Amino acid sequence: MKLSVKNFLVVLACCVPLLLAGCKKSSSSNYNVSVTVSGLVGTGLVLQNNGGNNLSVGTNGVVTFTNELANGAAYAVTILKQPATPAQVCSLSNAGGVVTSANVTTVTLVCLPPEFAYVTNTGSNSIAIYNVGGGTGALTSAGATTATGNAPIAFAIDSTGRYAYALNSADNSISTYLANSTTGLLLSAGSAVTGLSTPTAITVDPSSKYVYVTNSGNKTVAGYTINTTSTTGALATLTSIGSTPTGNAPTSIAAASVSGAEYVYVTNATDNSVQAFTVGSSGGLTNSGLANTGNNPVAVVATPNGKFVYVANKTDGTVSAFATSAGTLTAIATPAASGAAPVSIAVAPSGNFLYVANSGANTVTAFSIGANGALTNLGSIAAGSNPVSVSVDPSGAFAYVSNKADSTISTYSINATTGVLSVALLPTAVGTSPASVITVAK
């Protein structure tokens, strides 16, 4: 069949635009919607545009919805499913608008680091590890429990979330672990450190260089360096510290940083005092002074900025507040009333709220922290039986309390504006006699 000149020109007129468009139907009037993703670690993230066109996302970078939109059409990107393994909380910016003669490239999605909860079970000589549910606070098992020494009473992890330590009261020892940044699971990192004397509490300094332990048996603070060059996190005794003397019955310890300087605070239960130490360049401790507390101080915490220190007084049922200056403590007003037998204390990451576990009252009390460090009681909420440890998650959205007699963890939502607690979920059953709970982000 031969084409006439006229027909040839018609065919040519139709084909040239297709050739210029890559031999496809032109989409010059339709546009893509893309999302720039960052911080994603977990799997299972699904996005939607305009209530449909589901897009499964497994990597960071730019991802694009398959359906194109016409000029002038609306777009509205939403999160259908948050990442689940491990759980993360992701949020969108610039998620909605109207297509204006160009591809949409301004939508961003940022995922917060995954969070994990670690629970030391004194009765079963183990650490249970949980994923913290994105957006809900739910605790789901991250895997098999990790063995410790006998009667672990406390757990500490460095600021990178890499090196972890369990304090074993019956063994007078410290177990050392490497924590997986994705799964949160713990891997034993060598032999336990021994030679402690009735240890009561453990902390890692803010620079993640040192570990400090209170020894009630010989009234000292023992110090250790963290081996980070070998990536094992193994501990070596600080020769510059030896065994730093404390008061009688050192019961709890906390470390804080202020303008680059570091300090350690120790409560002396039978002396009714809290002792401040300045951390030297090599990790050694220098006594910075003593401050009076209420009766039987058993827990201490510093605010994230290090400007205020709070102590729970078990016999008084109160919380003492102190302002700090170069490690020196100055009392703020009179101790604030909490519940019966407060034994654990935690500050929200914002530094605006404080929470106390009252073992005698089976409650948790919330306080707001004023600009001058003063506490205002926000009320109490029921916990399980014998709550002995409280932790606020790194996002500041949830609080967790270990109930030793119930062998459960209570989960609470924190009102971001008021700091008031509300029950988020039914208690989670854990191992036997949970002595402590902490939550960390990886």
Protein backbone atom coordinates (compact mmCIF):
# COMPACT_ATOMS: atom_id res chain seq x y z
CA MET A 1 0.00 0.00 0.00
CA LYS A 2 1.33 3.43 -0.97
CA LEU A 3 0.77 6.61 0.97
CA SER A 4 -0.27 9.76 -0.76
CA VAL A 5 1.62 12.91 0.04
CA LYS A 6 -1.39 14.13 1.97
CA ASN A 7 -1.63 10.97 4.08
CA PHE A 8 2.11 10.97 4.66
CA LEU A 9 1.96 14.47 6.05
CA VAL A 10 -0.90 13.49 8.37
CA VAL A 11 1.06 10.50 9.70
CA LEU A 12 4.16 12.64 10.12
CA ALA A 13 2.19 15.28 12.02
CA CYS A 14 0.95 12.59 14.44
CA CYS A 15 4.28 10.81 14.97
CA VAL A 16 6.62 13.73 15.53
CA PRO A 17 5.10 14.68 18.93
CA LEU A 18 5.25 11.03 20.00
CA LEU A 19 8.90 10.77 19.03
CA LEU A 20 9.71 13.90 20.98
CA ALA A 21 7.88 12.46 23.99
CA GLY A 22 9.82 9.18 23.86
CA CYS A 23 7.19 7.41 21.82
CA LYS A 24 4.70 7.50 24.73
CA LYS A 25 1.48 9.27 25.28
CA SER A 26 2.25 12.80 26.35
CA SER A 27 1.78 13.56 30.08
CA SER A 28 2.73 17.22 29.85
CA SER A 29 -0.48 18.18 31.62
CA ASN A 30 -0.06 15.58 34.42
CA TYR A 31 2.40 15.74 37.28
CA ASN A 32 4.01 13.48 39.89
CA VAL A 33 3.84 13.78 43.68
CA SER A 34 7.08 12.80 45.43
CA VAL A 35 8.06 12.50 49.10
CA THR A 36 11.57 12.93 50.53
CA VAL A 37 12.03 10.36 53.32
CA SER A 38 14.66 10.48 56.07
CA GLY A 39 15.34 8.61 59.32
CA LEU A 40 13.54 5.44 58.22
CA VAL A 41 14.84 2.24 59.83
CA GLY A 42 11.75 0.07 60.26
CA THR A 43 9.72 -1.78 57.67
CA GLY A 44 6.01 -1.58 56.88
CA LEU A 45 5.67 2.16 56.17
CA VAL A 46 2.79 2.88 53.76
CA LEU A 47 1.83 6.31 52.42
CA GLN A 48 -1.35 7.39 50.66
CA ASN A 49 -2.22 10.28 48.40
CA ASN A 50 -5.79 11.60 48.37
CA GLY A 51 -7.03 8.58 50.30
CA GLY A 52 -5.67 6.04 47.80
CA ASN A 53 -2.71 5.21 45.54
CA ASN A 54 -0.92 3.36 48.37
CA LEU A 55 2.87 3.60 48.31
CA SER A 56 4.98 1.14 50.32
CA VAL A 57 8.26 2.74 51.43
CA GLY A 58 11.33 0.74 52.43
CA THR A 59 14.22 3.17 52.02
CA ASN A 60 15.22 6.76 52.64
CA GLY A 61 15.39 9.18 49.75
CA VAL A 62 12.82 10.36 47.20
CA VAL A 63 9.80 8.14 46.56
CA THR A 64 7.06 8.87 44.01
CA PHE A 65 3.38 7.97 43.83
CA THR A 66 2.41 6.09 40.68
CA ASN A 67 -0.71 8.12 39.88
CA GLU A 68 -0.15 11.44 38.18
CA LEU A 69 -2.32 14.48 38.83
CA ALA A 70 -3.61 17.15 36.48
CA ASN A 71 -2.68 20.76 36.83
CA GLY A 72 -4.87 22.40 39.47
CA ALA A 73 -5.68 19.08 41.18
CA ALA A 74 -5.40 18.79 44.95
CA TYR A 75 -2.98 16.42 46.67
CA ALA A 76 -3.03 15.23 50.30
CA VAL A 77 -0.33 12.82 51.44
CA THR A 78 -1.04 10.84 54.61
CA ILE A 79 0.54 7.97 56.56
CA LEU A 80 -1.55 4.82 56.27
CA LYS A 81 0.83 2.65 58.31
CA GLN A 82 3.75 3.67 60.50
CA PRO A 83 6.95 1.56 60.39
CA ALA A 84 6.55 -1.53 62.56
CA THR A 85 9.81 -3.50 62.65
CA PRO A 86 11.21 -1.76 64.59
CA ALA A 87 8.39 0.62 65.43
CA GLN A 88 8.94 4.28 64.57
CA VAL A 89 6.93 7.48 64.60
CA CYS A 90 7.11 9.39 61.31
CA SER A 91 5.59 12.77 60.47
CA LEU A 92 4.88 14.66 57.25
CA SER A 93 5.50 18.28 56.30
CA ASN A 94 3.99 20.20 53.36
CA ALA A 95 1.69 17.23 52.89
CA GLY A 96 -1.17 18.96 51.09
CA GLY A 97 -1.75 21.53 48.39
CA VAL A 98 -2.60 22.06 44.73
CA VAL A 99 -0.56 21.07 41.67
CA THR A 100 0.66 24.22 39.91
CA SER A 101 2.12 23.26 36.52
CA ALA A 102 5.02 21.28 38.02
CA ASN A 103 5.84 18.05 39.80
CA VAL A 104 5.28 18.25 43.57
CA THR A 105 8.64 17.81 45.32
CA THR A 106 8.17 19.69 48.61
CA VAL A 107 6.55 16.92 50.69
CA THR A 108 8.93 15.55 53.36
CA LEU A 109 8.63 12.70 55.85
CA VAL A 110 10.91 12.46 58.89
CA CYS A 111 11.01 9.36 61.13
CA LEU A 112 12.12 9.51 64.74
CA PRO A 113 14.68 6.89 65.85
CA PRO A 114 13.21 3.57 67.04
CA GLU A 115 12.70 3.29 70.79
CA PHE A 116 13.26 0.33 73.08
CA ALA A 117 12.44 -0.45 76.69
CA TYR A 118 14.76 -2.53 78.89
CA VAL A 119 13.39 -4.22 82.01
CA THR A 120 15.64 -5.86 84.60
CA ASN A 121 13.90 -8.85 86.15
CA THR A 122 15.41 -9.52 89.56
CA GLY A 123 13.55 -12.77 90.10
CA SER A 124 14.48 -14.35 86.76
CA ASN A 125 18.02 -12.94 86.41
CA SER A 126 17.32 -11.46 83.00
CA ILE A 127 16.71 -8.35 80.93
CA ALA A 128 13.55 -8.23 78.83
CA ILE A 129 13.68 -6.04 75.72
CA TYR A 130 10.67 -4.40 74.08
CA ASN A 131 9.91 -2.31 71.03
CA VAL A 132 8.08 0.87 71.97
CA GLY A 133 5.08 1.11 69.64
CA GLY A 134 5.15 4.06 67.28
CA GLY A 135 2.49 6.51 68.38
CA THR A 136 0.79 4.15 70.85
CA GLY A 137 3.47 3.43 73.45
CA ALA A 138 2.65 -0.28 73.31
CA LEU A 139 5.43 -2.64 74.38
CA THR A 140 6.05 -5.66 72.16
CA SER A 141 8.80 -8.18 72.71
CA ALA A 142 11.91 -7.51 70.63
CA GLY A 143 13.12 -11.08 71.10
CA ALA A 144 14.50 -13.46 73.69
CA THR A 145 15.44 -12.15 77.12
CA THR A 146 19.12 -11.63 77.93
CA ALA A 147 20.77 -13.41 80.85
CA THR A 148 22.38 -11.35 83.59
CA GLY A 149 24.12 -12.15 86.84
CA ASN A 150 22.16 -12.85 90.01
CA ALA A 151 19.50 -10.36 91.09
CA PRO A 152 19.96 -7.52 88.59
CA ILE A 153 18.60 -4.36 90.16
CA ALA A 154 19.54 -1.64 87.67
CA PHE A 155 20.39 -1.09 84.03
CA ALA A 156 22.26 1.73 82.30
CA ILE A 157 23.00 2.49 78.65
CA ASP A 158 25.26 5.13 77.14
CA SER A 159 23.99 8.13 75.17
CA THR A 160 24.71 6.45 71.82
CA GLY A 161 22.53 3.47 72.73
CA ARG A 162 25.46 1.18 71.99
CA TYR A 163 26.95 0.12 75.33
CA ALA A 164 24.76 -1.29 78.09
CA TYR A 165 25.36 -2.46 81.66
CA ALA A 166 23.37 -4.49 84.19
CA LEU A 167 24.13 -4.17 87.89
CA ASN A 168 23.86 -7.53 89.68
CA SER A 169 23.32 -7.04 93.41
CA ALA A 170 23.76 -10.65 94.56
CA ASP A 171 26.93 -11.16 92.49
CA ASN A 172 28.47 -7.77 93.27
CA SER A 173 29.10 -7.46 89.54
CA ILE A 174 28.37 -5.61 86.30
CA SER A 175 27.38 -7.42 83.10
CA THR A 176 28.44 -5.70 79.86
CA TYR A 177 26.52 -5.77 76.56
CA LEU A 178 26.51 -4.40 73.04
CA ALA A 179 23.07 -3.20 71.96
CA ASN A 180 21.97 -3.69 68.35
CA SER A 181 21.00 -0.30 66.91
CA THR A 182 18.18 -1.74 64.80
CA THR A 183 16.69 -4.53 66.92
CA GLY A 184 17.65 -3.30 70.40
CA LEU A 185 18.79 -6.80 71.33
CA LEU A 186 21.76 -7.26 73.65
CA LEU A 187 24.92 -9.26 73.01
CA SER A 188 27.21 -10.17 75.89
CA ALA A 189 30.49 -8.26 75.55
CA GLY A 190 32.77 -10.33 77.75
CA SER A 191 33.23 -11.30 81.36
CA ALA A 192 31.41 -9.47 84.11
CA VAL A 193 33.20 -6.86 86.20
CA THR A 194 33.44 -8.12 89.79
CA GLY A 195 34.63 -6.87 93.16
CA LEU A 196 31.80 -4.48 94.00
CA SER A 197 30.53 -4.14 97.56
CA THR A 198 26.73 -4.39 97.84
CA PRO A 199 26.12 -2.20 94.77
CA THR A 200 22.94 -0.16 94.70
CA ALA A 201 22.90 2.00 91.54
CA ILE A 202 24.71 2.59 88.24
CA THR A 203 24.97 5.45 85.74
CA VAL A 204 26.84 6.38 82.55
CA ASP A 205 28.20 9.91 82.32
CA PRO A 206 26.79 12.17 79.55
CA SER A 207 29.99 11.94 77.47
CA SER A 208 29.70 8.13 77.43
CA LYS A 209 33.26 7.76 78.69
CA TYR A 210 32.68 6.54 82.23
CA VAL A 211 30.47 4.31 84.35
CA TYR A 212 29.91 4.99 88.05
CA VAL A 213 28.47 2.62 90.68
CA THR A 214 27.44 3.27 94.27
CA ASN A 215 28.62 0.65 96.77
CA SER A 216 26.58 0.59 99.95
CA GLY A 217 28.83 -2.03 101.54
CA ASN A 218 31.97 0.11 101.67
CA LYS A 219 30.35 3.55 101.23
CA THR A 220 32.06 4.42 97.96
CA VAL A 221 31.57 5.29 94.31
CA ALA A 222 33.49 3.02 91.95
CA GLY A 223 34.44 4.35 88.51
CA TYR A 224 35.21 2.65 85.19
CA THR A 225 36.27 3.74 81.71
CA ILE A 226 34.31 2.51 78.70
CA ASN A 227 36.47 0.91 76.01
CA THR A 228 35.07 2.44 72.82
CA THR A 229 38.11 1.89 70.60
CA SER A 230 37.59 -1.88 70.57
CA THR A 231 33.81 -1.34 70.13
CA THR A 232 33.16 -3.78 72.99
CA GLY A 233 32.22 -1.28 75.67
CA ALA A 234 34.31 -3.30 78.14
CA LEU A 235 34.96 -1.60 81.48
CA ALA A 236 38.33 -0.93 83.08
CA THR A 237 38.77 0.39 86.60
CA LEU A 238 39.47 4.11 86.74
CA THR A 239 42.88 4.39 88.40
CA SER A 240 42.26 8.08 88.98
CA ILE A 241 39.20 7.44 91.10
CA GLY A 242 39.89 4.30 93.10
CA SER A 243 36.94 4.14 95.44
CA THR A 244 35.65 7.64 96.17
CA PRO A 245 34.16 7.89 99.68
CA THR A 246 30.52 8.85 100.12
CA GLY A 247 28.25 9.21 103.11
CA ASN A 248 26.41 6.35 104.77
CA ALA A 249 24.29 3.99 102.67
CA PRO A 250 24.80 5.47 99.18
CA THR A 251 21.63 4.40 97.41
CA SER A 252 21.28 6.17 94.07
CA ILE A 253 23.40 8.05 91.55
CA ALA A 254 22.87 10.42 88.62
CA ALA A 255 25.19 12.23 86.22
CA ALA A 256 24.63 15.56 84.46
CA SER A 257 26.37 18.01 82.17
CA VAL A 258 26.26 21.81 82.42
CA SER A 259 28.04 23.95 79.83
CA GLY A 260 30.55 21.19 79.12
CA ALA A 261 31.31 20.40 82.77
CA GLU A 262 30.09 17.12 84.26
CA TYR A 263 28.81 16.33 87.73
CA VAL A 264 27.71 13.24 89.65
CA TYR A 265 25.15 13.23 92.46
CA VAL A 266 24.80 10.52 95.12
CA THR A 267 22.09 10.13 97.78
CA ASN A 268 23.16 8.91 101.22
CA ALA A 269 20.09 7.20 102.63
CA THR A 270 20.90 7.13 106.34
CA ASP A 271 22.63 10.52 106.36
CA ASN A 272 19.64 12.27 104.79
CA SER A 273 21.88 14.01 102.28
CA VAL A 274 22.82 14.28 98.62
CA GLN A 275 26.47 14.61 97.70
CA ALA A 276 27.81 16.40 94.61
CA PHE A 277 31.00 15.48 92.76
CA THR A 278 32.79 17.21 89.90
CA VAL A 279 34.01 14.88 87.15
CA GLY A 280 37.63 15.52 86.21
CA SER A 281 39.16 15.29 82.74
CA SER A 282 40.24 11.70 83.41
CA GLY A 283 36.98 10.67 85.10
CA GLY A 284 38.06 11.21 88.70
CA LEU A 285 35.56 12.62 91.19
CA THR A 286 36.09 15.65 93.42
CA ASN A 287 33.65 16.32 96.25
CA SER A 288 31.75 19.55 95.49
CA GLY A 289 29.69 19.65 98.64
CA LEU A 290 26.76 18.19 100.53
CA ALA A 291 23.12 19.21 100.81
CA ASN A 292 20.45 18.12 103.25
CA THR A 293 17.43 16.20 101.98
CA GLY A 294 14.32 14.73 103.58
CA ASN A 295 14.36 11.40 105.42
CA ASN A 296 15.80 8.37 103.64
CA PRO A 297 16.68 9.77 100.18
CA VAL A 298 16.73 6.82 97.77
CA ALA A 299 16.50 8.28 94.25
CA VAL A 300 18.09 11.22 92.44
CA VAL A 301 17.73 12.74 88.97
CA ALA A 302 18.98 15.84 87.15
CA THR A 303 17.15 17.82 84.47
CA PRO A 304 18.49 17.45 80.90
CA ASN A 305 20.16 20.87 81.10
CA GLY A 306 21.72 19.94 84.46
CA LYS A 307 20.44 23.06 86.20
CA PHE A 308 18.19 21.31 88.71
CA VAL A 309 18.47 18.14 90.79
CA TYR A 310 15.61 16.29 92.50
CA VAL A 311 15.69 13.70 95.28
CA ALA A 312 12.92 11.31 96.38
CA ASN A 313 12.72 10.92 100.16
CA LYS A 314 11.20 7.53 100.93
CA THR A 315 10.28 7.94 104.58
CA ASP A 316 8.96 11.50 104.19
CA GLY A 317 6.97 10.86 101.04
CA THR A 318 8.49 14.03 99.56
CA VAL A 319 10.71 15.29 96.76
CA SER A 320 13.55 17.73 97.48
CA ALA A 321 14.50 20.22 94.76
CA PHE A 322 17.92 21.84 94.28
CA ALA A 323 19.43 24.41 91.96
CA THR A 324 23.00 23.72 90.83
CA SER A 325 25.98 25.96 90.32
CA ALA A 326 29.37 24.41 89.52
CA GLY A 327 28.11 21.25 91.20
CA THR A 328 27.03 23.02 94.39
CA LEU A 329 23.43 22.31 95.41
CA THR A 330 21.07 24.95 96.83
CA ALA A 331 17.65 23.91 98.13
CA ILE A 332 14.58 25.31 96.35
CA ALA A 333 11.72 25.95 98.81
CA THR A 334 10.53 23.08 101.00
CA PRO A 335 10.26 19.47 99.78
CA ALA A 336 7.13 18.81 97.72
CA ALA A 337 4.67 16.17 98.89
CA SER A 338 4.44 13.03 96.76
CA GLY A 339 2.85 9.68 97.65
CA ALA A 340 3.86 7.16 100.30
CA ALA A 341 7.39 5.75 99.93
CA PRO A 342 8.64 7.38 96.70
CA VAL A 343 11.53 5.27 95.38
CA SER A 344 12.11 6.30 91.76
CA ILE A 345 12.11 9.58 89.90
CA ALA A 346 12.33 10.66 86.24
CA VAL A 347 12.31 13.93 84.30
CA ALA A 348 10.73 14.39 80.87
CA PRO A 349 13.16 15.20 78.01
CA SER A 350 11.67 18.71 77.81
CA GLY A 351 12.74 19.35 81.39
CA ASN A 352 9.25 20.65 82.16
CA PHE A 353 7.79 17.68 84.03
CA LEU A 354 8.87 15.21 86.71
CA TYR A 355 7.37 11.83 87.66
CA VAL A 356 7.70 9.84 90.89
CA ALA A 357 6.88 6.19 91.56
CA ASN A 358 5.40 5.81 95.05
CA SER A 359 5.96 2.21 96.15
CA GLY A 360 3.91 2.52 99.32
CA ALA A 361 0.89 4.15 97.68
CA ASN A 362 0.94 2.17 94.41
CA THR A 363 0.75 5.44 92.48
CA VAL A 364 2.71 7.71 90.18
CA THR A 365 2.75 11.44 90.93
CA ALA A 366 3.32 14.08 88.25
CA PHE A 367 4.90 17.49 88.86
CA SER A 368 5.48 20.50 86.66
CA ILE A 369 8.91 22.13 86.90
CA GLY A 370 8.89 25.92 87.10
CA ALA A 371 11.45 28.24 85.56
CA ASN A 372 13.22 28.41 88.93
CA GLY A 373 13.06 24.62 89.43
CA ALA A 374 10.17 24.68 91.88
CA LEU A 375 7.71 21.77 91.71
CA THR A 376 3.92 21.94 91.39
CA ASN A 377 1.96 18.75 92.10
CA LEU A 378 -0.22 17.80 89.11
CA GLY A 379 -1.88 14.84 90.79
CA SER A 380 -1.36 11.10 91.08
CA ILE A 381 -2.53 8.10 89.07
CA ALA A 382 -2.82 4.45 90.07
CA ALA A 383 0.01 2.06 89.25
CA GLY A 384 0.39 -1.66 89.85
CA SER A 385 1.52 -3.28 93.08
CA ASN A 386 4.81 -1.94 94.45
CA PRO A 387 5.93 0.40 91.66
CA VAL A 388 9.70 0.72 91.98
CA SER A 389 10.94 2.35 88.78
CA VAL A 390 9.69 5.07 86.41
CA SER A 391 11.02 6.12 83.01
CA VAL A 392 9.93 8.69 80.42
CA ASP A 393 10.50 7.73 76.78
CA PRO A 394 12.82 9.93 74.68
CA SER A 395 9.91 11.44 72.75
CA GLY A 396 8.33 12.62 76.00
CA ALA A 397 4.99 11.12 75.01
CA PHE A 398 4.87 8.14 77.39
CA ALA A 399 5.86 7.13 80.91
CA TYR A 400 6.53 3.56 82.02
CA VAL A 401 6.47 2.14 85.54
CA SER A 402 7.71 -1.28 86.66
CA ASN A 403 5.52 -2.90 89.32
CA LYS A 404 7.69 -5.35 91.21
CA ALA A 405 4.99 -7.29 93.05
CA ASP A 406 2.74 -7.55 89.96
CA SER A 407 5.58 -8.34 87.54
CA THR A 408 4.03 -5.81 85.13
CA ILE A 409 4.81 -2.54 83.37
CA SER A 410 2.23 0.27 83.46
CA THR A 411 2.07 2.55 80.41
CA TYR A 412 0.86 6.15 80.57
CA SER A 413 0.32 8.88 78.01
CA ILE A 414 1.79 12.27 78.88
CA ASN A 415 -0.19 15.37 77.96
CA ALA A 416 2.36 17.44 76.05
CA THR A 417 0.92 20.72 77.35
CA THR A 418 0.05 19.95 80.97
CA GLY A 419 2.27 16.97 81.79
CA VAL A 420 -0.68 15.11 83.32
CA LEU A 421 -0.66 11.30 83.03
CA SER A 422 -3.45 9.11 81.69
CA VAL A 423 -3.58 5.35 81.31
CA ALA A 424 -2.55 4.47 77.74
CA LEU A 425 -2.80 0.68 77.81
CA LEU A 426 -3.44 -2.25 80.10
CA PRO A 427 -0.34 -3.31 82.10
CA THR A 428 2.19 -5.44 80.21
CA ALA A 429 3.25 -8.71 81.85
CA VAL A 430 7.04 -9.01 82.07
CA GLY A 431 9.52 -11.29 83.85
CA THR A 432 9.64 -11.99 87.56
CA SER A 433 10.01 -9.03 89.94
CA PRO A 434 10.99 -6.22 87.53
CA ALA A 435 13.32 -3.91 89.45
CA SER A 436 13.88 -1.23 86.83
CA VAL A 437 12.70 0.02 83.45
CA ILE A 438 14.42 2.44 81.10
CA THR A 439 13.51 3.60 77.62
CA VAL A 440 16.03 4.67 74.98
CA ALA A 441 16.12 5.77 71.33
CA LYS A 442 18.59 4.27 68.86
